[in-house]
Amino acid sequence: MVLLVPPVAGEQDCGLRIDDLGRSFPLDRMERHALCLLAGVVNDPTTSHVNPPIVTPVRKAVYDFLLNHVVLTAALVRTLGIGQYTIDRVGAQGFQGADGQGSEALVELLYKDSTQRVYHIQGTHHGRVFPLITGEAIVTLTSQTRRGNDGKESVETQMAVYARLDNPMLAALVKVLKPFLRDVINGKLVGPFLAIQRLGELIAADPEQVSRQAETMLELDKAELDAMRALLVPTLTPPSP
């Protein structure tokens, strides 16, 4: 099955071949720019994988806030000892990030609605075995609200990952050595989202403590901190006059 996006003179053909892994892409609602980035990875991936669902024990509003304010979220992740991620905003929908372990990436949010997000990642990794690895990836998050027997709300998220390495020899090696190298690549790409899950667990366990930790980070935007505090500890947030 192929989604045909007619090429403009001088532009690449952005026809997208859809397989079982990619049927959930919101193709009819994505802009041409996003479809071209999607096709560049999905049509010929080095590796692809659908991860088991993960459950983050917070309300959907809190989960969405953490994804919508990733600079603040990364700072919290570092402060609480969950990870070493650093993120800076680039443009309206882009971010430049690093994991503190040799990987850097430019991340662009291609599509977002109430249940799904599609990200394009252009990344590099400096390692010991291979001095420099470069490539692209598409990561999709599909989330839905769950409610337990105790009435508490949580968010279940499934992540699908497509990755394409730039080096043909390395890409061939990855394909031969599946699933080991596939799992390494997959782990790098989903790591930031697993850190958000862990942050959600800490929020569920003690929202006031997380809120107090956030207030010590003076470099962050006060309006964002106030908005997060209102979500985490609404009973302690004074009503607007």
Protein backbone atom coordinates (compact mmCIF):
# COMPACT_ATOMS: atom_id res chain seq x y z
CA MET A 1 0.00 0.00 0.00
CA VAL A 2 1.44 3.39 -0.99
CA LEU A 3 0.37 6.90 -0.08
CA LEU A 4 1.23 8.99 -3.13
CA VAL A 5 2.29 12.56 -2.54
CA PRO A 6 2.95 14.04 -6.01
CA PRO A 7 6.48 15.48 -6.15
CA VAL A 8 7.02 19.10 -7.01
CA ALA A 9 9.70 19.81 -9.63
CA GLY A 10 13.10 19.56 -8.00
CA GLU A 11 11.75 17.90 -4.84
CA GLN A 12 11.98 14.32 -3.64
CA ASP A 13 9.20 11.82 -4.18
CA CYS A 14 7.48 11.49 -0.79
CA GLY A 15 5.42 8.40 -1.53
CA LEU A 16 5.05 6.44 1.70
CA ARG A 17 4.82 2.66 1.73
CA ILE A 18 2.67 1.60 4.67
CA ASP A 19 3.23 -1.73 6.42
CA ASP A 20 1.63 -3.26 9.50
CA LEU A 21 3.81 -1.20 11.84
CA GLY A 22 2.82 2.11 10.29
CA ARG A 23 -0.89 1.80 9.76
CA SER A 24 -1.59 4.16 12.63
CA PHE A 25 0.18 7.14 11.05
CA PRO A 26 -2.33 10.01 10.67
CA LEU A 27 -1.29 10.44 7.03
CA ASP A 28 -4.32 12.42 5.94
CA ARG A 29 -3.65 15.02 8.63
CA MET A 30 0.11 15.48 8.20
CA GLU A 31 1.75 18.23 6.15
CA ARG A 32 3.91 17.43 3.12
CA HIS A 33 7.09 18.35 4.98
CA ALA A 34 6.24 15.79 7.67
CA LEU A 35 5.30 13.12 5.13
CA CYS A 36 8.63 13.54 3.35
CA LEU A 37 10.58 13.11 6.60
CA LEU A 38 8.39 10.11 7.43
CA ALA A 39 8.96 8.46 4.04
CA GLY A 40 12.71 9.04 4.23
CA VAL A 41 12.91 6.75 7.27
CA VAL A 42 9.90 4.44 7.09
CA ASN A 43 10.36 3.34 3.47
CA ASP A 44 13.80 1.84 4.16
CA PRO A 45 14.45 1.45 7.88
CA THR A 46 17.56 -0.22 9.22
CA THR A 47 15.42 -1.49 12.06
CA SER A 48 11.87 -1.09 13.35
CA HIS A 49 10.16 -2.14 16.54
CA VAL A 50 6.91 -1.77 18.46
CA ASN A 51 7.59 -1.54 22.19
CA PRO A 52 5.31 -3.10 24.80
CA PRO A 53 2.86 -0.60 26.33
CA ILE A 54 4.10 1.34 29.35
CA VAL A 55 1.87 2.78 32.06
CA THR A 56 2.55 6.17 33.64
CA PRO A 57 0.50 6.57 36.87
CA VAL A 58 -0.56 10.20 36.39
CA ARG A 59 -3.53 11.98 34.89
CA LYS A 60 -3.47 12.54 31.13
CA ALA A 61 -3.28 16.30 31.73
CA VAL A 62 -0.04 15.85 33.70
CA TYR A 63 1.44 13.44 31.14
CA ASP A 64 0.66 15.81 28.27
CA PHE A 65 2.16 18.72 30.21
CA LEU A 66 5.44 16.85 30.63
CA LEU A 67 5.58 16.13 26.89
CA ASN A 68 4.60 19.70 25.98
CA HIS A 69 7.26 21.28 28.24
CA VAL A 70 10.29 19.10 27.62
CA VAL A 71 12.88 21.69 28.70
CA LEU A 72 11.30 21.80 32.15
CA THR A 73 10.80 18.02 32.15
CA ALA A 74 14.46 17.35 31.30
CA ALA A 75 15.54 19.67 34.12
CA LEU A 76 13.35 17.76 36.55
CA VAL A 77 14.72 14.44 35.29
CA ARG A 78 18.26 15.65 36.00
CA THR A 79 17.40 17.16 39.38
CA LEU A 80 15.68 13.99 40.55
CA GLY A 81 18.53 11.75 39.37
CA ILE A 82 16.51 9.91 36.72
CA GLY A 83 18.78 10.76 33.79
CA GLN A 84 21.27 13.22 32.36
CA TYR A 85 19.17 14.61 29.53
CA THR A 86 19.61 18.24 28.49
CA ILE A 87 17.18 19.86 26.06
CA ASP A 88 16.99 23.30 24.45
CA ARG A 89 14.18 24.59 22.28
CA VAL A 90 14.93 25.18 18.57
CA GLY A 91 12.16 26.95 16.66
CA ALA A 92 8.45 26.39 17.17
CA GLN A 93 8.35 22.56 17.21
CA GLY A 94 12.03 21.58 17.49
CA PHE A 95 14.43 20.67 20.26
CA GLN A 96 18.16 20.00 20.51
CA GLY A 97 18.98 17.40 23.10
CA ALA A 98 21.73 15.19 24.54
CA ASP A 99 21.58 12.18 26.86
CA GLY A 100 24.92 12.72 28.58
CA GLN A 101 26.16 9.37 27.23
CA GLY A 102 27.47 10.32 23.80
CA SER A 103 24.21 10.82 21.92
CA GLU A 104 22.87 14.10 20.56
CA ALA A 105 19.76 14.75 18.48
CA LEU A 106 17.62 17.34 16.81
CA VAL A 107 13.99 16.43 17.47
CA GLU A 108 11.01 17.77 15.56
CA LEU A 109 7.38 17.16 16.49
CA LEU A 110 5.74 16.34 13.15
CA TYR A 111 2.21 15.76 14.40
CA LYS A 112 0.20 15.94 17.61
CA ASP A 113 -3.40 15.30 18.62
CA SER A 114 -5.10 14.19 21.85
CA THR A 115 -3.87 10.58 21.57
CA GLN A 116 -0.92 10.51 19.19
CA ARG A 117 2.42 12.20 18.60
CA VAL A 118 4.89 11.63 15.77
CA TYR A 119 8.52 12.73 16.18
CA HIS A 120 11.39 12.93 13.68
CA ILE A 121 14.86 12.54 15.17
CA GLN A 122 18.16 13.39 13.47
CA GLY A 123 20.88 12.05 15.71
CA THR A 124 24.54 11.27 16.25
CA HIS A 125 26.29 8.96 18.68
CA HIS A 126 29.96 8.97 19.65
CA GLY A 127 30.93 5.52 20.89
CA ARG A 128 33.95 3.33 21.59
CA VAL A 129 33.45 0.63 18.95
CA PHE A 130 32.13 2.99 16.25
CA PRO A 131 33.56 6.51 16.69
CA LEU A 132 30.59 8.22 15.01
CA ILE A 133 27.14 6.90 14.15
CA THR A 134 24.60 9.13 12.41
CA GLY A 135 21.04 8.49 11.32
CA GLU A 136 17.37 9.36 11.46
CA ALA A 137 14.40 7.95 13.28
CA ILE A 138 10.64 8.21 13.53
CA VAL A 139 9.09 7.63 16.95
CA THR A 140 5.34 7.50 17.45
CA LEU A 141 3.55 7.66 20.79
CA THR A 142 -0.03 6.44 21.03
CA SER A 143 -1.57 7.10 24.44
CA GLN A 144 -4.88 6.38 26.10
CA THR A 145 -6.31 6.93 29.55
CA ARG A 146 -6.78 3.99 31.89
CA ARG A 147 -8.63 3.96 35.20
CA GLY A 148 -7.87 1.40 37.90
CA ASN A 149 -10.22 -0.28 40.36
CA ASP A 150 -9.30 2.43 42.87
CA GLY A 151 -10.56 5.07 40.43
CA LYS A 152 -7.10 6.56 39.86
CA GLU A 153 -6.22 7.62 36.34
CA SER A 154 -3.10 6.54 34.46
CA VAL A 155 -1.81 6.80 30.90
CA GLU A 156 -0.93 3.77 28.78
CA THR A 157 1.48 4.55 25.94
CA GLN A 158 2.76 2.40 23.11
CA MET A 159 5.84 3.50 21.17
CA ALA A 160 6.74 2.44 17.64
CA VAL A 161 10.28 3.14 16.43
CA TYR A 162 11.73 3.25 12.93
CA ALA A 163 15.48 3.94 12.61
CA ARG A 164 17.68 4.38 9.54
CA LEU A 165 21.46 4.58 9.86
CA ASP A 166 23.41 6.67 7.34
CA ASN A 167 26.37 4.26 7.06
CA PRO A 168 25.36 1.38 4.72
CA MET A 169 27.96 -1.02 6.14
CA LEU A 170 26.85 -0.37 9.71
CA ALA A 171 23.20 -0.64 8.68
CA ALA A 172 23.91 -4.05 7.13
CA LEU A 173 25.67 -5.14 10.33
CA VAL A 174 22.68 -4.10 12.43
CA LYS A 175 20.35 -6.12 10.20
CA VAL A 176 22.59 -9.18 10.54
CA LEU A 177 22.99 -8.88 14.31
CA LYS A 178 19.32 -8.37 15.18
CA PRO A 179 17.89 -8.29 17.78
CA PHE A 180 20.91 -7.18 19.86
CA LEU A 181 21.83 -4.00 17.99
CA ARG A 182 18.18 -3.29 17.28
CA ASP A 183 17.56 -3.24 21.03
CA VAL A 184 20.52 -0.88 21.56
CA ILE A 185 19.17 1.58 18.97
CA ASN A 186 15.63 1.22 20.28
CA GLY A 187 16.78 1.84 23.84
CA LYS A 188 18.52 5.08 22.86
CA LEU A 189 15.41 6.39 21.09
CA VAL A 190 12.82 5.50 23.72
CA GLY A 191 15.05 6.38 26.69
CA PRO A 192 13.79 9.96 27.08
CA PHE A 193 10.17 8.79 27.08
CA LEU A 194 10.94 6.10 29.67
CA ALA A 195 12.48 8.85 31.80
CA ILE A 196 9.15 10.68 31.62
CA GLN A 197 7.43 7.50 32.78
CA ARG A 198 9.79 7.30 35.75
CA LEU A 199 9.18 10.97 36.52
CA GLY A 200 5.45 10.23 36.44
CA GLU A 201 5.96 7.48 39.02
CA LEU A 202 7.74 9.92 41.34
CA ILE A 203 4.96 12.46 40.84
CA ALA A 204 2.34 9.85 41.70
CA ALA A 205 4.24 8.84 44.83
CA ASP A 206 4.84 12.38 46.17
CA PRO A 207 3.62 15.29 44.01
CA GLU A 208 4.43 17.87 46.67
CA GLN A 209 8.08 16.76 46.83
CA VAL A 210 8.45 16.98 43.05
CA SER A 211 6.81 20.40 43.11
CA ARG A 212 9.23 21.61 45.79
CA GLN A 213 12.19 20.32 43.78
CA ALA A 214 10.93 22.18 40.70
CA GLU A 215 10.72 25.43 42.63
CA THR A 216 14.48 25.28 43.37
CA MET A 217 15.32 25.40 39.65
CA LEU A 218 15.52 29.15 39.24
CA GLU A 219 16.65 28.94 35.60
CA LEU A 220 13.23 27.68 34.50
CA ASP A 221 10.29 29.74 33.30
CA LYS A 222 8.16 30.79 36.30
CA ALA A 223 4.90 30.63 34.34
CA GLU A 224 5.62 27.01 33.37
CA LEU A 225 6.54 26.14 36.96
CA ASP A 226 3.32 27.69 38.25
CA ALA A 227 1.29 25.80 35.66
CA MET A 228 2.94 22.53 36.62
CA ARG A 229 2.42 23.15 40.32
CA ALA A 230 -1.28 23.80 39.68
CA LEU A 231 -1.48 20.38 37.99
CA LEU A 232 0.57 18.45 40.52
CA VAL A 233 -0.74 19.96 43.75
CA PRO A 234 -4.01 21.75 42.91
CA THR A 235 -5.13 21.83 46.56
CA LEU A 236 -2.12 23.94 47.46
CA THR A 237 -2.51 26.39 44.60
CA PRO A 238 -4.35 29.52 45.69
CA PRO A 239 -7.42 30.32 43.57
CA SER A 240 -7.20 33.20 41.11
CA PRO A 241 -8.74 36.44 42.41
